[in-house]
């Protein structure tokens, strides 16, 4: 940088500092001061009176019978997840082991559902993007291709666990399949 440019840069920085300081001082002067907080007088402490112990012990209350616990809601044998231009809906689903989940692409561009983690897709057991294009591709949690708008892809979840997924083409979109 030559001398003239360096000098000009120094002047610009100095001008910014001066203008900022003037604005700060005016704002500080114009701001109304808050009134001091009111101090409430503290009442004198009241004497503590201990109740006399009962002459006879009270009868123990009979506990109410416990309501039977409701059985857990059955998990779906089939479920669906819709991908839009805003992401996957619902973001989390619960299914039984052996359930099929269909990913429907209702967005305006292709979507590629796959197991986390991006870009290798190895979170779900025995999955991995390196298996796309092989005989094992039909058994992995990875569409292995962009699913066109209006089309869908289905995967059968055999393994129990919490399986995160994402769109390989838009990794910021994702969700969770809980298999019980």
N, C-alpha and C. Protein backbone atom coordinates (compact mmCIF):
# COMPACT_ATOMS: atom_id res chain seq x y z
N UNK A 1 0.86 -1.16 0.00
CA UNK A 1 0.00 0.00 0.00
C UNK A 1 0.92 1.23 0.00
N UNK A 2 0.59 2.23 -0.83
CA UNK A 2 1.44 3.41 -0.87
C UNK A 2 1.09 4.36 0.26
N UNK A 3 1.93 5.42 0.42
CA UNK A 3 1.76 6.36 1.54
C UNK A 3 0.41 7.08 1.50
N UNK A 4 -0.01 7.52 0.31
CA UNK A 4 -1.27 8.25 0.20
C UNK A 4 -2.46 7.39 0.62
N UNK A 5 -2.47 6.14 0.19
CA UNK A 5 -3.58 5.24 0.53
C UNK A 5 -3.58 4.96 2.03
N UNK A 6 -2.40 4.76 2.62
CA UNK A 6 -2.30 4.49 4.05
C UNK A 6 -2.78 5.71 4.85
N UNK A 7 -2.41 6.89 4.42
CA UNK A 7 -2.83 8.11 5.10
C UNK A 7 -4.33 8.29 5.01
N UNK A 8 -4.89 8.03 3.84
CA UNK A 8 -6.33 8.15 3.64
C UNK A 8 -7.08 7.15 4.52
N UNK A 9 -6.57 5.95 4.61
CA UNK A 9 -7.19 4.92 5.45
C UNK A 9 -7.16 5.34 6.93
N UNK A 10 -6.04 5.92 7.36
CA UNK A 10 -5.93 6.37 8.75
C UNK A 10 -6.94 7.48 9.03
N UNK A 11 -7.12 8.41 8.07
CA UNK A 11 -8.08 9.49 8.25
C UNK A 11 -9.52 8.96 8.33
N UNK A 12 -9.83 7.99 7.49
CA UNK A 12 -11.18 7.42 7.50
C UNK A 12 -11.45 6.75 8.85
N UNK A 13 -10.49 5.99 9.36
CA UNK A 13 -10.65 5.31 10.65
C UNK A 13 -10.81 6.34 11.77
N UNK A 14 -10.01 7.40 11.74
CA UNK A 14 -10.10 8.45 12.75
C UNK A 14 -11.46 9.13 12.69
N UNK A 15 -11.97 9.40 11.49
CA UNK A 15 -13.28 10.04 11.34
C UNK A 15 -14.38 9.14 11.90
N UNK A 16 -14.29 7.85 11.67
CA UNK A 16 -15.29 6.90 12.20
C UNK A 16 -15.28 6.91 13.72
N UNK A 17 -14.10 6.94 14.30
CA UNK A 17 -13.98 6.95 15.75
C UNK A 17 -14.58 8.24 16.33
N UNK A 18 -14.30 9.37 15.72
CA UNK A 18 -14.82 10.65 16.21
C UNK A 18 -16.33 10.69 16.10
N UNK A 19 -16.88 10.31 14.95
CA UNK A 19 -18.34 10.34 14.76
C UNK A 19 -19.01 9.39 15.74
N UNK A 20 -18.43 8.21 15.94
CA UNK A 20 -19.00 7.25 16.88
C UNK A 20 -19.00 7.78 18.30
N UNK A 21 -17.94 8.45 18.68
CA UNK A 21 -17.84 9.00 20.03
C UNK A 21 -18.86 10.12 20.23
N UNK A 22 -19.09 10.95 19.22
CA UNK A 22 -20.08 12.03 19.32
C UNK A 22 -21.48 11.44 19.48
N UNK A 23 -21.79 10.42 18.68
CA UNK A 23 -23.11 9.78 18.75
C UNK A 23 -23.31 9.15 20.12
N UNK A 24 -22.30 8.51 20.64
CA UNK A 24 -22.38 7.86 21.95
C UNK A 24 -22.64 8.90 23.04
N UNK A 25 -21.91 10.03 23.00
CA UNK A 25 -22.08 11.05 24.03
C UNK A 25 -23.47 11.67 23.97
N UNK A 26 -24.00 11.93 22.78
CA UNK A 26 -25.34 12.51 22.66
C UNK A 26 -26.40 11.53 23.17
N UNK A 27 -26.25 10.28 22.84
CA UNK A 27 -27.21 9.28 23.28
C UNK A 27 -27.19 9.15 24.79
N UNK A 28 -26.00 9.20 25.39
CA UNK A 28 -25.88 9.07 26.84
C UNK A 28 -26.53 10.27 27.53
N UNK A 29 -26.40 11.47 26.96
CA UNK A 29 -26.99 12.66 27.56
C UNK A 29 -28.51 12.66 27.43
N UNK A 30 -29.03 12.15 26.31
CA UNK A 30 -30.46 12.20 26.06
C UNK A 30 -31.21 11.09 26.78
N UNK A 31 -30.56 10.04 27.18
CA UNK A 31 -31.24 8.93 27.85
C UNK A 31 -31.70 9.37 29.23
N UNK A 32 -32.97 9.14 29.57
CA UNK A 32 -33.46 9.54 30.89
C UNK A 32 -32.85 8.63 31.95
N UNK A 33 -32.59 9.25 33.09
CA UNK A 33 -32.02 8.48 34.18
C UNK A 33 -33.15 7.73 34.88
N UNK A 34 -32.87 6.52 35.26
CA UNK A 34 -33.87 5.72 35.97
C UNK A 34 -33.91 6.19 37.42
N UNK A 35 -35.11 6.29 38.01
CA UNK A 35 -35.19 6.70 39.41
C UNK A 35 -34.58 5.61 40.29
N UNK A 36 -34.02 6.00 41.44
CA UNK A 36 -33.44 4.98 42.31
C UNK A 36 -34.53 4.04 42.80
N UNK A 37 -34.21 2.78 43.02
CA UNK A 37 -35.25 1.83 43.46
C UNK A 37 -35.75 2.20 44.84
N UNK A 38 -37.06 2.03 45.02
CA UNK A 38 -37.67 2.33 46.32
C UNK A 38 -37.24 1.26 47.31
N UNK A 39 -36.97 1.69 48.54
CA UNK A 39 -36.56 0.76 49.58
C UNK A 39 -37.74 0.57 50.51
N UNK A 40 -38.19 -0.66 50.62
CA UNK A 40 -39.31 -0.99 51.51
C UNK A 40 -38.75 -1.25 52.90
N UNK A 41 -39.39 -0.70 53.96
CA UNK A 41 -38.90 -1.01 55.31
C UNK A 41 -39.18 -2.48 55.62
N UNK A 42 -38.27 -3.08 56.32
CA UNK A 42 -38.41 -4.48 56.68
C UNK A 42 -39.16 -4.58 57.99
N UNK A 43 -40.27 -5.35 58.02
CA UNK A 43 -41.02 -5.47 59.27
C UNK A 43 -40.22 -6.28 60.27
N UNK A 44 -40.44 -6.06 61.55
CA UNK A 44 -39.70 -6.83 62.55
C UNK A 44 -40.11 -8.29 62.46
N UNK A 45 -39.19 -9.18 62.81
CA UNK A 45 -39.52 -10.60 62.71
C UNK A 45 -40.61 -10.97 63.70
N UNK A 46 -41.52 -11.84 63.27
CA UNK A 46 -42.57 -12.27 64.18
C UNK A 46 -42.08 -13.48 64.95
N UNK A 47 -42.54 -13.63 66.18
CA UNK A 47 -42.07 -14.76 66.98
C UNK A 47 -42.55 -16.07 66.37
N UNK A 48 -41.72 -17.10 66.47
CA UNK A 48 -42.05 -18.41 65.95
C UNK A 48 -42.73 -19.20 67.05
N UNK A 49 -43.91 -19.69 66.75
CA UNK A 49 -44.66 -20.47 67.73
C UNK A 49 -44.69 -21.90 67.24
N UNK A 50 -44.18 -22.81 68.06
CA UNK A 50 -44.19 -24.22 67.72
C UNK A 50 -45.48 -24.83 68.23
N UNK A 51 -46.19 -25.60 67.39
CA UNK A 51 -47.42 -26.24 67.89
C UNK A 51 -47.06 -27.35 68.87
N UNK A 52 -47.95 -27.57 69.82
CA UNK A 52 -47.74 -28.64 70.80
C UNK A 52 -47.90 -29.98 70.11
N UNK A 53 -47.10 -30.97 70.50
CA UNK A 53 -47.25 -32.28 69.87
C UNK A 53 -48.60 -32.88 70.22
N UNK A 54 -49.19 -33.65 69.29
CA UNK A 54 -50.50 -34.23 69.58
C UNK A 54 -50.40 -35.27 70.70
N UNK A 55 -51.48 -35.40 71.45
CA UNK A 55 -51.50 -36.33 72.57
C UNK A 55 -51.41 -37.77 72.05
N UNK A 56 -52.10 -38.05 70.95
CA UNK A 56 -52.03 -39.39 70.37
C UNK A 56 -51.60 -39.26 68.92
N UNK A 57 -50.83 -40.19 68.42
CA UNK A 57 -50.40 -40.06 67.03
C UNK A 57 -51.60 -40.18 66.10
N UNK A 58 -51.60 -39.37 65.02
CA UNK A 58 -52.72 -39.45 64.09
C UNK A 58 -52.65 -40.77 63.32
N UNK A 59 -53.81 -41.20 62.85
CA UNK A 59 -53.85 -42.43 62.05
C UNK A 59 -53.20 -42.15 60.70
N UNK A 60 -52.47 -43.13 60.23
CA UNK A 60 -51.84 -42.97 58.93
C UNK A 60 -52.92 -43.02 57.86
N UNK A 61 -52.85 -42.08 56.91
CA UNK A 61 -53.87 -42.09 55.85
C UNK A 61 -53.70 -43.34 54.98
N UNK A 62 -54.82 -43.83 54.50
CA UNK A 62 -54.78 -44.99 53.61
C UNK A 62 -54.51 -44.48 52.21
N UNK A 63 -53.42 -44.99 51.58
CA UNK A 63 -53.11 -44.50 50.24
C UNK A 63 -54.18 -44.91 49.25
N UNK A 64 -54.43 -44.01 48.30
CA UNK A 64 -55.40 -44.30 47.24
C UNK A 64 -54.80 -45.35 46.32
N UNK A 65 -55.64 -46.23 45.80
CA UNK A 65 -55.10 -47.24 44.88
C UNK A 65 -54.53 -46.56 43.63
N UNK A 66 -53.42 -47.08 43.15
CA UNK A 66 -52.78 -46.50 41.97
C UNK A 66 -53.57 -46.87 40.73
N UNK A 67 -53.72 -45.89 39.87
CA UNK A 67 -54.39 -46.15 38.60
C UNK A 67 -53.47 -47.00 37.73
N UNK A 68 -54.03 -47.96 37.03
CA UNK A 68 -53.16 -48.77 36.18
C UNK A 68 -52.53 -47.90 35.09
N UNK A 69 -51.29 -48.21 34.79
CA UNK A 69 -50.57 -47.44 33.78
C UNK A 69 -51.14 -47.77 32.41
N UNK A 70 -51.36 -46.73 31.62
CA UNK A 70 -51.87 -46.95 30.27
C UNK A 70 -50.79 -47.62 29.44
N UNK A 71 -51.19 -48.58 28.62
CA UNK A 71 -50.18 -49.23 27.78
C UNK A 71 -49.62 -48.23 26.78
N UNK A 72 -48.35 -48.38 26.41
CA UNK A 72 -47.78 -47.44 25.45
C UNK A 72 -48.52 -47.53 24.12
N UNK A 73 -48.56 -46.41 23.44
CA UNK A 73 -49.23 -46.37 22.14
C UNK A 73 -48.51 -47.31 21.19
N UNK A 74 -49.28 -48.06 20.41
CA UNK A 74 -48.61 -48.98 19.48
C UNK A 74 -47.83 -48.19 18.44
N UNK A 75 -46.72 -48.73 18.05
CA UNK A 75 -45.89 -48.09 17.05
C UNK A 75 -46.31 -48.58 15.67
N UNK A 76 -46.15 -47.72 14.72
CA UNK A 76 -46.60 -48.02 13.37
C UNK A 76 -45.76 -49.11 12.71
N UNK A 77 -46.43 -49.93 11.89
CA UNK A 77 -45.72 -50.92 11.08
C UNK A 77 -45.28 -50.27 9.77
N UNK A 78 -45.94 -49.17 9.44
CA UNK A 78 -45.58 -48.39 8.26
C UNK A 78 -45.71 -46.93 8.63
N UNK A 79 -44.85 -46.10 8.10
CA UNK A 79 -44.90 -44.67 8.39
C UNK A 79 -44.43 -43.90 7.17
N UNK A 80 -44.73 -42.63 7.17
CA UNK A 80 -44.31 -41.78 6.06
C UNK A 80 -43.68 -40.49 6.54
N UNK A 81 -42.71 -40.04 5.80
CA UNK A 81 -42.05 -38.77 6.05
C UNK A 81 -42.10 -38.00 4.74
N UNK A 82 -42.49 -36.74 4.83
CA UNK A 82 -42.59 -35.91 3.64
C UNK A 82 -41.46 -34.90 3.64
N UNK A 83 -40.80 -34.76 2.50
CA UNK A 83 -39.77 -33.74 2.36
C UNK A 83 -40.35 -32.60 1.53
N UNK A 84 -40.24 -31.38 2.09
CA UNK A 84 -40.68 -30.18 1.39
C UNK A 84 -39.46 -29.29 1.18
N UNK A 85 -39.69 -28.12 0.63
CA UNK A 85 -38.58 -27.17 0.46
C UNK A 85 -38.10 -26.61 1.80
N UNK A 86 -38.84 -26.87 2.89
CA UNK A 86 -38.45 -26.40 4.22
C UNK A 86 -37.79 -27.50 5.06
N UNK A 87 -37.87 -28.75 4.62
CA UNK A 87 -37.26 -29.85 5.39
C UNK A 87 -38.15 -31.06 5.43
N UNK A 88 -37.88 -31.97 6.41
CA UNK A 88 -38.62 -33.21 6.57
C UNK A 88 -39.72 -33.04 7.61
N UNK A 89 -40.91 -33.64 7.35
CA UNK A 89 -42.04 -33.57 8.28
C UNK A 89 -42.70 -34.92 8.36
N UNK A 90 -42.95 -35.47 9.54
CA UNK A 90 -42.51 -34.93 10.82
C UNK A 90 -41.00 -35.09 10.97
N UNK A 91 -40.43 -34.30 11.83
CA UNK A 91 -38.98 -34.33 12.02
C UNK A 91 -38.56 -35.58 12.78
N UNK A 92 -39.48 -36.15 13.58
CA UNK A 92 -39.18 -37.37 14.34
C UNK A 92 -40.38 -38.29 14.28
N UNK A 93 -40.11 -39.58 14.04
CA UNK A 93 -41.19 -40.58 14.08
C UNK A 93 -40.72 -41.76 14.91
N UNK A 94 -41.70 -42.54 15.42
CA UNK A 94 -41.43 -43.76 16.17
C UNK A 94 -42.13 -44.91 15.47
N UNK A 95 -41.40 -45.99 15.26
CA UNK A 95 -41.95 -47.16 14.58
C UNK A 95 -41.46 -48.43 15.28
N UNK A 96 -42.12 -49.54 14.98
CA UNK A 96 -41.68 -50.83 15.49
C UNK A 96 -40.55 -51.35 14.62
N UNK A 97 -39.73 -52.23 15.19
CA UNK A 97 -38.69 -52.88 14.39
C UNK A 97 -39.39 -53.66 13.28
N UNK A 98 -38.86 -53.57 12.10
CA UNK A 98 -39.46 -54.23 10.93
C UNK A 98 -40.40 -53.33 10.16
N UNK A 99 -40.61 -52.10 10.63
CA UNK A 99 -41.52 -51.17 9.95
C UNK A 99 -40.84 -50.55 8.74
N UNK A 100 -41.66 -50.27 7.74
CA UNK A 100 -41.18 -49.59 6.54
C UNK A 100 -41.53 -48.11 6.65
N UNK A 101 -40.58 -47.27 6.29
CA UNK A 101 -40.79 -45.82 6.30
C UNK A 101 -40.61 -45.34 4.87
N UNK A 102 -41.62 -44.64 4.37
CA UNK A 102 -41.57 -44.10 3.01
C UNK A 102 -41.26 -42.62 3.07
N UNK A 103 -40.23 -42.22 2.36
CA UNK A 103 -39.83 -40.82 2.25
C UNK A 103 -40.43 -40.29 0.95
N UNK A 104 -41.38 -39.35 1.07
CA UNK A 104 -42.05 -38.77 -0.11
C UNK A 104 -41.45 -37.39 -0.39
N UNK A 105 -41.03 -37.19 -1.60
CA UNK A 105 -40.44 -35.90 -1.98
C UNK A 105 -41.53 -34.98 -2.52
N UNK A 106 -41.94 -34.01 -1.73
CA UNK A 106 -42.91 -33.01 -2.15
C UNK A 106 -42.23 -31.65 -2.30
N UNK A 107 -40.91 -31.65 -2.44
CA UNK A 107 -40.18 -30.40 -2.62
C UNK A 107 -40.09 -30.09 -4.11
N UNK A 108 -39.47 -28.98 -4.42
CA UNK A 108 -39.36 -28.56 -5.81
C UNK A 108 -38.10 -29.09 -6.51
N UNK A 109 -37.28 -29.87 -5.77
CA UNK A 109 -36.07 -30.43 -6.37
C UNK A 109 -35.77 -31.80 -5.79
N UNK A 110 -34.87 -32.55 -6.40
CA UNK A 110 -34.60 -33.90 -5.89
C UNK A 110 -34.13 -33.89 -4.44
N UNK A 111 -34.45 -34.96 -3.72
CA UNK A 111 -34.01 -35.16 -2.35
C UNK A 111 -33.39 -36.55 -2.23
N UNK A 112 -32.44 -36.72 -1.33
CA UNK A 112 -31.71 -37.98 -1.19
C UNK A 112 -31.66 -38.36 0.28
N UNK A 113 -32.70 -39.05 0.80
CA UNK A 113 -32.66 -39.43 2.20
C UNK A 113 -31.59 -40.48 2.46
N UNK A 114 -30.87 -40.31 3.56
CA UNK A 114 -29.80 -41.24 3.91
C UNK A 114 -29.50 -41.15 5.39
N UNK A 115 -28.95 -42.22 5.92
CA UNK A 115 -28.51 -42.28 7.31
C UNK A 115 -27.47 -41.19 7.57
N UNK A 116 -27.48 -40.69 8.81
CA UNK A 116 -26.37 -39.81 9.20
C UNK A 116 -25.12 -40.66 9.25
N UNK A 117 -23.96 -40.20 9.24
CA UNK A 117 -23.53 -38.82 9.18
C UNK A 117 -23.14 -38.47 7.75
N UNK A 118 -23.37 -37.22 7.42
CA UNK A 118 -23.03 -36.75 6.09
C UNK A 118 -21.51 -36.62 5.99
N UNK A 119 -20.88 -37.02 4.95
CA UNK A 119 -21.39 -37.55 3.69
C UNK A 119 -21.29 -39.07 3.57
N UNK A 120 -20.94 -39.80 4.65
CA UNK A 120 -20.64 -41.23 4.49
C UNK A 120 -21.81 -42.15 4.81
N UNK A 121 -22.82 -41.69 5.55
CA UNK A 121 -24.07 -42.41 5.79
C UNK A 121 -23.88 -43.75 6.51
N UNK A 122 -23.09 -43.78 7.57
CA UNK A 122 -22.78 -45.03 8.25
C UNK A 122 -23.43 -45.18 9.63
N UNK A 123 -24.33 -44.27 10.03
CA UNK A 123 -24.93 -44.34 11.36
C UNK A 123 -25.80 -45.59 11.52
N UNK A 124 -26.66 -45.87 10.56
CA UNK A 124 -27.50 -47.06 10.63
C UNK A 124 -26.61 -48.28 10.34
N UNK A 125 -26.76 -49.37 11.13
CA UNK A 125 -25.87 -50.53 10.98
C UNK A 125 -25.78 -51.06 9.55
N UNK A 126 -24.59 -51.37 9.15
CA UNK A 126 -24.28 -51.94 7.83
C UNK A 126 -24.58 -51.01 6.67
N UNK A 127 -24.78 -49.71 6.95
CA UNK A 127 -25.02 -48.75 5.87
C UNK A 127 -23.73 -48.03 5.52
N UNK A 128 -23.73 -47.36 4.41
CA UNK A 128 -22.59 -46.56 3.98
C UNK A 128 -22.73 -46.22 2.51
N UNK A 129 -22.42 -44.99 2.17
CA UNK A 129 -22.56 -44.55 0.79
C UNK A 129 -21.69 -45.37 -0.16
N UNK A 130 -20.61 -45.95 0.39
CA UNK A 130 -19.72 -46.76 -0.44
C UNK A 130 -20.39 -48.05 -0.92
N UNK A 131 -21.56 -48.40 -0.35
CA UNK A 131 -22.30 -49.59 -0.79
C UNK A 131 -23.30 -49.27 -1.89
N UNK A 132 -23.51 -47.98 -2.19
CA UNK A 132 -24.39 -47.60 -3.30
C UNK A 132 -23.80 -48.18 -4.58
N UNK A 133 -24.67 -48.72 -5.44
CA UNK A 133 -24.21 -49.28 -6.70
C UNK A 133 -23.71 -50.72 -6.57
N UNK A 134 -23.84 -51.31 -5.36
CA UNK A 134 -23.43 -52.70 -5.16
C UNK A 134 -24.67 -53.55 -4.88
N UNK A 135 -24.50 -54.84 -4.73
CA UNK A 135 -25.61 -55.73 -4.42
C UNK A 135 -26.19 -55.43 -3.05
N UNK A 136 -25.43 -54.79 -2.17
CA UNK A 136 -25.89 -54.46 -0.81
C UNK A 136 -26.72 -53.18 -0.75
N UNK A 137 -26.82 -52.45 -1.84
CA UNK A 137 -27.48 -51.14 -1.83
C UNK A 137 -28.94 -51.21 -1.37
N UNK A 138 -29.64 -52.28 -1.66
CA UNK A 138 -31.06 -52.36 -1.26
C UNK A 138 -31.24 -52.58 0.24
N UNK A 139 -30.16 -52.90 0.96
CA UNK A 139 -30.26 -53.17 2.40
C UNK A 139 -29.73 -52.04 3.27
N UNK A 140 -29.35 -50.92 2.69
CA UNK A 140 -28.77 -49.83 3.47
C UNK A 140 -29.74 -48.66 3.55
N UNK A 141 -29.62 -47.90 4.65
CA UNK A 141 -30.46 -46.72 4.84
C UNK A 141 -29.84 -45.58 4.04
N UNK A 142 -30.04 -45.65 2.73
CA UNK A 142 -29.48 -44.67 1.80
C UNK A 142 -30.19 -44.84 0.46
N UNK A 143 -30.87 -43.80 0.00
CA UNK A 143 -31.56 -43.89 -1.29
C UNK A 143 -30.57 -44.06 -2.44
N UNK A 144 -29.33 -43.66 -2.23
CA UNK A 144 -28.25 -43.79 -3.23
C UNK A 144 -28.50 -43.00 -4.50
N UNK A 145 -29.47 -42.11 -4.47
CA UNK A 145 -29.76 -41.27 -5.64
C UNK A 145 -30.72 -40.16 -5.23
N UNK A 146 -30.79 -39.15 -6.05
CA UNK A 146 -31.77 -38.09 -5.83
C UNK A 146 -33.15 -38.59 -6.20
N UNK A 147 -34.10 -38.45 -5.30
CA UNK A 147 -35.49 -38.85 -5.55
C UNK A 147 -36.19 -37.64 -6.17
N UNK A 148 -36.71 -37.78 -7.39
CA UNK A 148 -37.33 -36.62 -8.05
C UNK A 148 -38.57 -36.11 -7.30
N UNK A 149 -38.92 -34.84 -7.47
CA UNK A 149 -40.15 -34.32 -6.86
C UNK A 149 -41.35 -35.17 -7.27
N UNK A 150 -42.20 -35.49 -6.30
CA UNK A 150 -43.39 -36.30 -6.56
C UNK A 150 -43.13 -37.79 -6.43
N UNK A 151 -41.90 -38.21 -6.30
CA UNK A 151 -41.56 -39.63 -6.19
C UNK A 151 -41.26 -39.96 -4.73
N UNK A 152 -41.03 -41.24 -4.42
CA UNK A 152 -40.75 -41.65 -3.05
C UNK A 152 -39.74 -42.79 -3.02
N UNK A 153 -39.23 -43.05 -1.81
CA UNK A 153 -38.29 -44.14 -1.56
C UNK A 153 -38.63 -44.73 -0.21
N UNK A 154 -38.61 -46.06 -0.08
CA UNK A 154 -39.01 -46.73 1.16
C UNK A 154 -37.85 -47.56 1.70
N UNK A 155 -37.70 -47.51 3.04
CA UNK A 155 -36.67 -48.32 3.71
C UNK A 155 -37.31 -49.04 4.87
N UNK A 156 -36.95 -50.32 5.07
CA UNK A 156 -37.46 -51.13 6.17
C UNK A 156 -36.44 -51.12 7.31
N UNK A 157 -36.84 -50.61 8.49
CA UNK A 157 -35.96 -50.50 9.65
C UNK A 157 -36.04 -51.78 10.48
N UNK A 158 -35.01 -52.60 10.42
CA UNK A 158 -34.95 -53.85 11.18
C UNK A 158 -34.26 -53.66 12.53
N UNK A 159 -33.35 -52.70 12.63
CA UNK A 159 -32.54 -52.50 13.84
C UNK A 159 -33.20 -51.48 14.77
N UNK A 160 -33.32 -51.84 16.08
CA UNK A 160 -33.86 -50.88 17.04
C UNK A 160 -32.78 -49.84 17.35
N UNK A 161 -33.24 -48.64 17.68
CA UNK A 161 -32.32 -47.56 18.02
C UNK A 161 -32.86 -46.23 17.56
N UNK A 162 -32.04 -45.21 17.70
CA UNK A 162 -32.38 -43.85 17.30
C UNK A 162 -31.52 -43.53 16.08
N UNK A 163 -32.14 -43.42 14.92
CA UNK A 163 -31.40 -43.29 13.68
C UNK A 163 -31.63 -41.92 13.05
N UNK A 164 -30.60 -41.08 13.13
CA UNK A 164 -30.66 -39.77 12.49
C UNK A 164 -30.49 -39.93 10.98
N UNK A 165 -31.12 -39.03 10.25
CA UNK A 165 -31.00 -39.04 8.79
C UNK A 165 -30.93 -37.61 8.28
N UNK A 166 -30.56 -37.48 7.01
CA UNK A 166 -30.45 -36.15 6.39
C UNK A 166 -30.69 -36.29 4.90
N UNK A 167 -30.80 -35.16 4.23
CA UNK A 167 -30.86 -35.13 2.77
C UNK A 167 -29.43 -34.93 2.28
N UNK A 168 -28.90 -35.91 1.58
CA UNK A 168 -27.51 -35.84 1.11
C UNK A 168 -27.29 -34.62 0.20
N UNK A 169 -28.33 -34.18 -0.50
CA UNK A 169 -28.19 -33.04 -1.40
C UNK A 169 -28.35 -31.70 -0.67
N UNK A 170 -29.00 -31.72 0.49
CA UNK A 170 -29.17 -30.54 1.35
C UNK A 170 -28.94 -31.00 2.79
N UNK A 171 -27.68 -31.18 3.21
CA UNK A 171 -27.38 -31.78 4.50
C UNK A 171 -27.95 -31.06 5.71
N UNK A 172 -28.38 -29.83 5.55
CA UNK A 172 -29.00 -29.11 6.67
C UNK A 172 -30.39 -29.62 7.00
N UNK A 173 -31.01 -30.39 6.10
CA UNK A 173 -32.32 -30.98 6.34
C UNK A 173 -32.12 -32.35 6.95
N UNK A 174 -32.81 -32.64 8.05
CA UNK A 174 -32.66 -33.95 8.67
C UNK A 174 -33.77 -34.24 9.64
N UNK A 175 -33.68 -35.41 10.25
CA UNK A 175 -34.69 -35.84 11.22
C UNK A 175 -34.22 -37.06 11.97
N UNK A 176 -35.19 -37.74 12.62
CA UNK A 176 -34.86 -38.88 13.47
C UNK A 176 -35.94 -39.93 13.34
N UNK A 177 -35.53 -41.19 13.16
CA UNK A 177 -36.43 -42.33 13.19
C UNK A 177 -36.06 -43.13 14.43
N UNK A 178 -37.03 -43.28 15.35
CA UNK A 178 -36.82 -44.08 16.57
C UNK A 178 -37.47 -45.42 16.32
N UNK A 179 -36.68 -46.49 16.36
CA UNK A 179 -37.18 -47.84 16.11
C UNK A 179 -37.17 -48.58 17.44
N UNK A 180 -38.37 -49.06 17.85
CA UNK A 180 -38.50 -49.74 19.15
C UNK A 180 -38.83 -51.19 18.98
